[in-house]
Each structure stands twice: as C-alpha cells, then as structure tokens.
Protein backbone atom coordinates (compact mmCIF):
# COMPACT_ATOMS: atom_id res chain seq x y z
CA SER A 1 -17.49 40.23 47.79
CA THR A 2 -16.13 42.81 45.32
CA PRO A 3 -17.89 42.35 41.74
CA TYR A 4 -15.30 40.75 39.33
CA VAL A 5 -15.37 43.64 37.03
CA ALA A 6 -13.76 46.01 39.72
CA HIS A 7 -10.74 43.98 38.69
CA LEU A 8 -10.98 44.34 35.17
CA LEU A 9 -11.19 48.36 35.70
CA ALA A 10 -8.56 48.09 38.24
CA VAL A 11 -6.49 46.42 35.66
CA ALA A 12 -7.15 48.97 32.88
CA ALA A 13 -6.53 51.93 35.25
CA THR A 14 -2.96 50.58 36.41
CA VAL A 15 -2.11 50.06 32.79
CA LEU A 16 -3.00 53.61 32.28
CA GLU A 17 -1.34 55.03 35.27
CA TYR A 18 2.26 53.27 34.37
CA GLY A 19 2.11 54.41 30.61
CA GLY A 20 -0.19 52.18 28.36
CA ASP A 21 -2.11 53.58 25.97
CA GLU A 22 -5.86 53.04 24.83
CA ASP A 23 -5.18 49.10 23.18
CA LEU A 24 -3.46 48.24 26.42
CA ALA A 25 -6.39 49.95 28.53
CA ILE A 26 -8.52 47.41 26.20
CA ALA A 27 -6.59 44.39 26.31
CA ALA A 28 -6.43 45.04 30.20
CA LEU A 29 -10.20 45.06 30.20
CA LEU A 30 -10.67 41.88 28.13
CA HIS A 31 -7.44 39.83 29.40
CA ASP A 32 -9.34 36.99 31.33
CA SER A 33 -12.08 37.17 28.27
CA VAL A 34 -10.56 34.50 26.26
CA GLU A 35 -9.15 32.41 29.34
CA ASP A 36 -12.83 32.42 31.17
CA GLN A 37 -15.16 32.74 28.22
CA GLY A 38 -14.78 31.18 25.59
CA GLY A 39 -11.11 30.37 23.93
CA ALA A 40 -9.98 30.19 20.41
CA ALA A 41 -13.55 31.68 19.46
CA ARG A 42 -13.83 34.68 22.18
CA LEU A 43 -10.13 35.58 20.75
CA GLU A 44 -11.34 35.80 17.00
CA ASP A 45 -14.07 37.99 18.54
CA VAL A 46 -11.56 40.23 20.28
CA ARG A 47 -10.22 40.63 17.14
CA ASN A 48 -12.73 41.66 14.88
CA ARG A 49 -14.05 44.10 17.42
CA PHE A 50 -10.45 45.47 18.63
CA GLY A 51 -8.12 44.87 15.85
CA ASP A 52 -4.93 42.47 16.00
CA ARG A 53 -2.76 44.52 18.42
CA VAL A 54 -5.61 44.21 21.43
CA ALA A 55 -5.71 40.54 20.27
CA ARG A 56 -2.35 39.79 20.26
CA ILE A 57 -1.84 40.96 23.70
CA VAL A 58 -5.20 39.39 25.31
CA GLU A 59 -4.14 36.20 23.42
CA ALA A 60 -0.54 36.60 25.16
CA CYS A 61 -2.32 37.29 28.77
CA SER A 62 -3.78 33.88 28.30
CA ASP A 63 -2.71 30.84 29.95
CA SER A 64 -5.36 28.80 28.01
CA LEU A 65 -7.22 29.01 24.93
CA ALA A 66 -9.65 26.12 25.94
CA ASP A 67 -13.34 27.06 25.70
CA THR A 68 -14.04 25.46 29.14
CA ALA A 69 -18.11 26.33 29.13
CA LYS A 70 -17.80 23.48 25.45
CA GLY A 71 -16.28 21.16 27.90
CA GLU A 72 -12.74 21.47 26.50
CA ARG A 73 -10.34 20.70 29.21
CA LYS A 74 -7.41 23.48 30.43
CA ALA A 75 -4.10 21.30 30.66
CA ASP A 76 -2.84 21.21 34.49
CA TRP A 77 -2.49 24.10 36.62
CA LEU A 78 1.67 23.47 37.00
CA GLN A 79 2.13 23.01 33.46
CA ARG A 80 -0.08 26.17 32.38
CA LYS A 81 1.65 28.21 34.97
CA GLU A 82 5.06 27.23 34.10
CA ALA A 83 4.41 27.82 30.41
CA TYR A 84 3.50 30.89 30.88
CA ILE A 85 6.08 32.19 32.90
CA ALA A 86 8.56 31.00 30.58
CA HIS A 87 6.65 32.70 27.46
CA LEU A 88 6.60 35.85 29.62
CA GLY A 89 9.92 35.63 29.18
CA ASN A 90 9.78 36.19 25.36
CA VAL A 91 7.06 38.59 25.08
CA ASP A 92 7.26 42.48 24.77
CA GLU A 93 6.78 45.42 27.03
CA ASN A 94 2.99 46.08 26.31
CA ILE A 95 2.17 42.38 27.14
CA LEU A 96 4.33 42.62 30.29
CA ARG A 97 2.53 45.85 31.61
CA VAL A 98 -0.99 44.10 31.16
CA SER A 99 0.05 40.93 32.51
CA LEU A 100 1.72 42.92 35.59
CA ALA A 101 -1.14 45.11 36.15
CA ASP A 102 -3.27 42.04 36.62
CA LYS A 103 -0.67 40.14 38.69
CA VAL A 104 -0.59 43.15 41.21
CA HIS A 105 -4.07 43.51 41.58
CA ASN A 106 -4.79 40.05 42.21
CA ALA A 107 -1.62 40.18 44.80
CA ARG A 108 -3.08 43.55 46.81
CA ALA A 109 -6.36 40.91 46.82
CA ILE A 110 -5.00 38.52 48.52
CA LEU A 111 -3.21 40.53 50.80
CA ARG A 112 -6.50 42.24 51.69
CA ASP A 113 -8.54 39.09 52.27
CA LEU A 114 -5.40 37.88 54.06
CA ARG A 115 -5.69 40.80 56.43
CA LYS A 116 -9.44 40.33 56.72
CA PRO A 117 -10.39 38.87 60.18
CA GLU A 118 -13.12 37.15 58.73
CA ILE A 119 -11.38 35.70 55.63
CA GLY A 120 -7.57 35.08 57.00
CA LYS A 121 -5.39 32.71 56.51
CA GLY A 122 -9.11 31.02 54.48
CA ILE A 123 -8.01 33.07 51.48
CA TRP A 124 -5.64 29.79 50.37
CA ALA A 125 -8.60 27.91 50.09
CA ARG A 126 -9.87 30.09 47.28
CA PHE A 127 -7.27 28.60 45.08
CA ASN A 128 -7.37 25.24 43.56
CA GLN A 129 -3.96 24.47 44.57
CA PRO A 130 -1.74 24.14 48.33
CA LYS A 131 -0.60 27.62 49.45
CA GLU A 132 2.78 26.81 48.65
CA ARG A 133 1.84 26.44 45.23
CA THR A 134 0.26 29.66 44.74
CA LEU A 135 3.32 31.75 46.48
CA TRP A 136 5.62 29.77 44.43
CA HIS A 137 3.74 31.28 41.26
CA TYR A 138 3.64 34.76 42.79
CA ARG A 139 7.31 34.68 43.43
CA SER A 140 8.17 32.96 40.00
CA LEU A 141 6.35 35.97 38.73
CA ALA A 142 7.47 38.83 40.51
CA ASP A 143 10.93 37.63 40.00
CA LEU A 144 10.70 37.68 36.07
CA PHE A 145 8.48 41.14 36.08
CA CYS A 146 11.89 42.69 38.38
CA ARG A 147 14.17 41.66 35.87
CA ARG A 148 11.93 41.90 32.49
CA LEU A 149 9.98 45.23 33.24
CA PRO A 150 11.81 47.08 36.39
CA GLY A 151 10.33 49.34 38.16
CA GLN A 152 7.83 50.64 40.99
CA LEU A 153 4.99 47.96 39.90
CA SER A 154 7.29 45.33 39.85
CA ASN A 155 9.01 46.20 43.04
CA GLU A 156 5.19 46.66 44.58
CA LEU A 157 4.53 43.07 43.55
CA ARG A 158 7.94 41.26 44.85
CA GLU A 159 7.22 43.50 48.24
CA ILE A 160 3.47 41.87 48.38
CA VAL A 161 4.81 38.49 47.46
CA GLU A 162 7.42 39.02 50.66
CA VAL A 163 4.79 39.88 52.99
CA LEU A 164 2.65 37.02 51.56
CA GLU A 165 5.03 34.60 52.40
CA VAL A 166 5.97 35.64 56.10
CA GLU A 167 2.25 36.27 56.83
CA ARG A 168 1.55 32.53 55.76
CA ARG A 169 3.03 31.05 58.60
C-alpha cells in the first residue's frame, strides 16, 4: 500500500496548485496530526512551531481533538461527520481549500482502489461504516464544497462521488 506520507504530500501539493500559500501547505501537511496523533496537546505543539494561522486551519480540519493514544474516546462517527459538515458551512476559504484537497485525495484513492481487481468492492470494508454512510459523507462534502468553494477541485470531488455511487452496485 502507499505510504501515508504520500497522502500528506499530495494534499499539500493540491493546496499549492489551487492557490494556497506556504502556511496552507504546512497546514495541509499537518491536517491529520491533531485528530490522529495527540489531540489538543498536538495542536499546541503545532501552534508553537508554526503559528496561530496554521494551528487554526489544522484545528478546523480536525473532526476531533481527543487524544486516542491516551485513551480519550472520539464522539460517535455520524455525530462527528455531521458536526464537521455543519462547521465547514461557516469557515473561511483557506480552511475550505485544505479540507477540500484532503477529501479529493481520499476520494481519488477510494476510486483507484475500487478499480483494482485485487481490491474492488472490498475497499468499503476499510471504513468502520457501511458503504452507504461513507458515500453519504462524501456526497454531503461534495455538495458543500460546490456551494462554498465552487471551481475545478469541487467539481472533481462531485464527479468522483457520482462515479463511486454508480460503481458501488
């Protein structure tokens, strides 16, 4: 499988390709760090090293500040996803840029693996949710990004979601 750092680099590259600046690229590289590696303490670390602007974007791209390594539990999946989508309705363009780049890269990876004969429909088992919920999440995100940050990248996310919805059958 692809090394995880490839995802981070791809998200940062996409942010830069679509007009983001250096702070946004740094935030893109760190977008999962708070959610996956240390919660609020990691966020303070990001703030100390890279400043308030980067920390604000990283925090806004996280759907949980729980430190799972310390046994803190994240909220229910659906609650987190609904809250995150609602929150994206009120954030600035910079946060939308980083989040959109992340979601597009994730969606591209799902589609790529769905089309690999050795993975195919088995891709959906990778998620801790039924396929319909995962697709609902991506459809909701695509609709939001098309509304809030219209353009080529939002359209690409919508197009990938449409293909995933057809190919899931």
